[in-house]
Amino acid sequence: MPATLEVKCTEDDCELDMFEMHYTYDIPDDVGVSDFSCPYCGETDSLDEIEL
């Protein structure tokens, strides 16, 4: 099963609570939260992985 990454945005002015990304099998192993930006506010430094 492809990897799933749950992410939250901690930017104070952002209305996005959390989102989930589903990877394909072809995504490199070293790709992580720091490689993405918030789809709502566009910030990159405010994303944190939600660890279950």
N, C-alpha and C. Protein backbone atom coordinates (compact mmCIF):
# COMPACT_ATOMS: atom_id res chain seq x y z
N MET A 1 0.85 -1.18 0.00
CA MET A 1 0.00 0.00 0.00
C MET A 1 0.90 1.24 0.00
N PRO A 2 0.56 2.23 -0.81
CA PRO A 2 1.36 3.47 -0.84
C PRO A 2 1.34 4.19 0.51
N ALA A 3 2.40 4.94 0.76
CA ALA A 3 2.51 5.68 2.02
C ALA A 3 1.48 6.80 2.10
N THR A 4 1.07 7.12 3.30
CA THR A 4 0.17 8.23 3.58
C THR A 4 0.85 9.15 4.58
N LEU A 5 0.75 10.45 4.34
CA LEU A 5 1.35 11.43 5.22
C LEU A 5 0.26 12.39 5.68
N GLU A 6 0.00 12.44 6.98
CA GLU A 6 -0.97 13.38 7.54
C GLU A 6 -0.23 14.60 8.02
N VAL A 7 -0.72 15.78 7.64
CA VAL A 7 -0.01 17.03 7.87
C VAL A 7 -0.96 18.06 8.45
N LYS A 8 -0.45 18.88 9.38
CA LYS A 8 -1.23 20.00 9.91
C LYS A 8 -0.46 21.28 9.64
N CYS A 9 -1.20 22.37 9.47
CA CYS A 9 -0.60 23.69 9.28
C CYS A 9 -0.73 24.45 10.59
N THR A 10 0.38 24.97 11.09
CA THR A 10 0.38 25.65 12.38
C THR A 10 0.42 27.18 12.23
N GLU A 11 0.28 27.67 11.01
CA GLU A 11 0.26 29.12 10.77
C GLU A 11 -0.99 29.70 11.45
N ASP A 12 -0.81 30.73 12.27
CA ASP A 12 -1.91 31.30 13.04
C ASP A 12 -3.06 31.81 12.17
N ASP A 13 -2.76 32.35 11.01
CA ASP A 13 -3.80 32.92 10.15
C ASP A 13 -4.40 31.91 9.17
N CYS A 14 -3.95 30.68 9.20
CA CYS A 14 -4.42 29.66 8.25
C CYS A 14 -5.66 28.96 8.82
N GLU A 15 -6.65 28.76 7.96
CA GLU A 15 -7.89 28.10 8.36
C GLU A 15 -7.87 26.59 8.15
N LEU A 16 -6.79 26.07 7.53
CA LEU A 16 -6.70 24.63 7.26
C LEU A 16 -6.28 23.89 8.52
N ASP A 17 -7.05 22.91 8.92
CA ASP A 17 -6.76 22.14 10.12
C ASP A 17 -5.71 21.07 9.83
N MET A 18 -6.00 20.20 8.87
CA MET A 18 -5.07 19.14 8.50
C MET A 18 -5.42 18.63 7.12
N PHE A 19 -4.47 17.96 6.51
CA PHE A 19 -4.74 17.30 5.24
C PHE A 19 -3.90 16.05 5.14
N GLU A 20 -4.26 15.20 4.20
CA GLU A 20 -3.61 13.91 4.06
C GLU A 20 -3.10 13.77 2.63
N MET A 21 -1.86 13.31 2.50
CA MET A 21 -1.29 13.10 1.18
C MET A 21 -1.06 11.60 0.99
N HIS A 22 -1.45 11.11 -0.16
CA HIS A 22 -1.25 9.70 -0.51
C HIS A 22 -0.20 9.64 -1.60
N TYR A 23 0.89 8.99 -1.32
CA TYR A 23 1.99 8.88 -2.26
C TYR A 23 1.76 7.70 -3.22
N THR A 24 2.40 7.77 -4.36
CA THR A 24 2.49 6.60 -5.23
C THR A 24 3.72 5.80 -4.80
N TYR A 25 3.90 4.67 -5.36
CA TYR A 25 5.06 3.84 -5.02
C TYR A 25 6.37 4.46 -5.52
N ASP A 26 6.30 5.39 -6.46
CA ASP A 26 7.49 5.93 -7.10
C ASP A 26 8.10 7.13 -6.37
N ILE A 27 7.51 7.61 -5.31
CA ILE A 27 8.04 8.79 -4.62
C ILE A 27 9.33 8.39 -3.87
N PRO A 28 10.36 9.21 -3.95
CA PRO A 28 11.63 8.89 -3.26
C PRO A 28 11.46 8.78 -1.74
N ASP A 29 12.25 7.96 -1.12
CA ASP A 29 12.16 7.74 0.33
C ASP A 29 12.51 8.98 1.14
N ASP A 30 13.31 9.89 0.59
CA ASP A 30 13.73 11.06 1.36
C ASP A 30 12.77 12.25 1.24
N VAL A 31 11.62 12.07 0.62
CA VAL A 31 10.62 13.14 0.52
C VAL A 31 9.85 13.21 1.84
N GLY A 32 9.70 14.43 2.37
CA GLY A 32 8.99 14.61 3.63
C GLY A 32 8.20 15.90 3.65
N VAL A 33 7.72 16.27 4.81
CA VAL A 33 6.86 17.45 4.97
C VAL A 33 7.54 18.72 4.46
N SER A 34 8.84 18.84 4.65
CA SER A 34 9.55 20.05 4.25
C SER A 34 9.57 20.27 2.73
N ASP A 35 9.19 19.27 1.97
CA ASP A 35 9.16 19.39 0.51
C ASP A 35 7.84 19.93 -0.02
N PHE A 36 6.88 20.22 0.85
CA PHE A 36 5.55 20.64 0.45
C PHE A 36 5.18 21.98 1.07
N SER A 37 4.14 22.60 0.53
CA SER A 37 3.60 23.83 1.10
C SER A 37 2.12 23.61 1.41
N CYS A 38 1.59 24.42 2.30
CA CYS A 38 0.18 24.33 2.67
C CYS A 38 -0.68 24.68 1.45
N PRO A 39 -1.65 23.84 1.11
CA PRO A 39 -2.49 24.14 -0.05
C PRO A 39 -3.45 25.31 0.19
N TYR A 40 -3.61 25.74 1.43
CA TYR A 40 -4.52 26.84 1.74
C TYR A 40 -3.78 28.18 1.82
N CYS A 41 -2.73 28.25 2.64
CA CYS A 41 -2.05 29.54 2.84
C CYS A 41 -0.74 29.65 2.08
N GLY A 42 -0.20 28.53 1.60
CA GLY A 42 1.01 28.55 0.81
C GLY A 42 2.30 28.53 1.61
N GLU A 43 2.23 28.55 2.93
CA GLU A 43 3.43 28.54 3.77
C GLU A 43 4.08 27.17 3.76
N THR A 44 5.39 27.14 3.91
CA THR A 44 6.12 25.87 3.96
C THR A 44 6.67 25.59 5.35
N ASP A 45 7.05 26.62 6.09
CA ASP A 45 7.66 26.43 7.41
C ASP A 45 6.66 26.05 8.49
N SER A 46 5.38 26.19 8.20
CA SER A 46 4.37 25.94 9.24
C SER A 46 3.76 24.54 9.17
N LEU A 47 4.27 23.68 8.31
CA LEU A 47 3.72 22.33 8.19
C LEU A 47 4.42 21.38 9.15
N ASP A 48 3.63 20.58 9.84
CA ASP A 48 4.13 19.56 10.75
C ASP A 48 3.45 18.24 10.46
N GLU A 49 4.22 17.17 10.49
CA GLU A 49 3.65 15.84 10.29
C GLU A 49 2.88 15.43 11.54
N ILE A 50 1.72 14.84 11.34
CA ILE A 50 0.93 14.29 12.44
C ILE A 50 1.34 12.83 12.59
N GLU A 51 1.93 12.51 13.71
CA GLU A 51 2.38 11.14 13.95
C GLU A 51 1.34 10.40 14.80
N LEU A 52 0.93 9.25 14.31
CA LEU A 52 -0.09 8.46 15.01
C LEU A 52 0.53 7.52 15.99
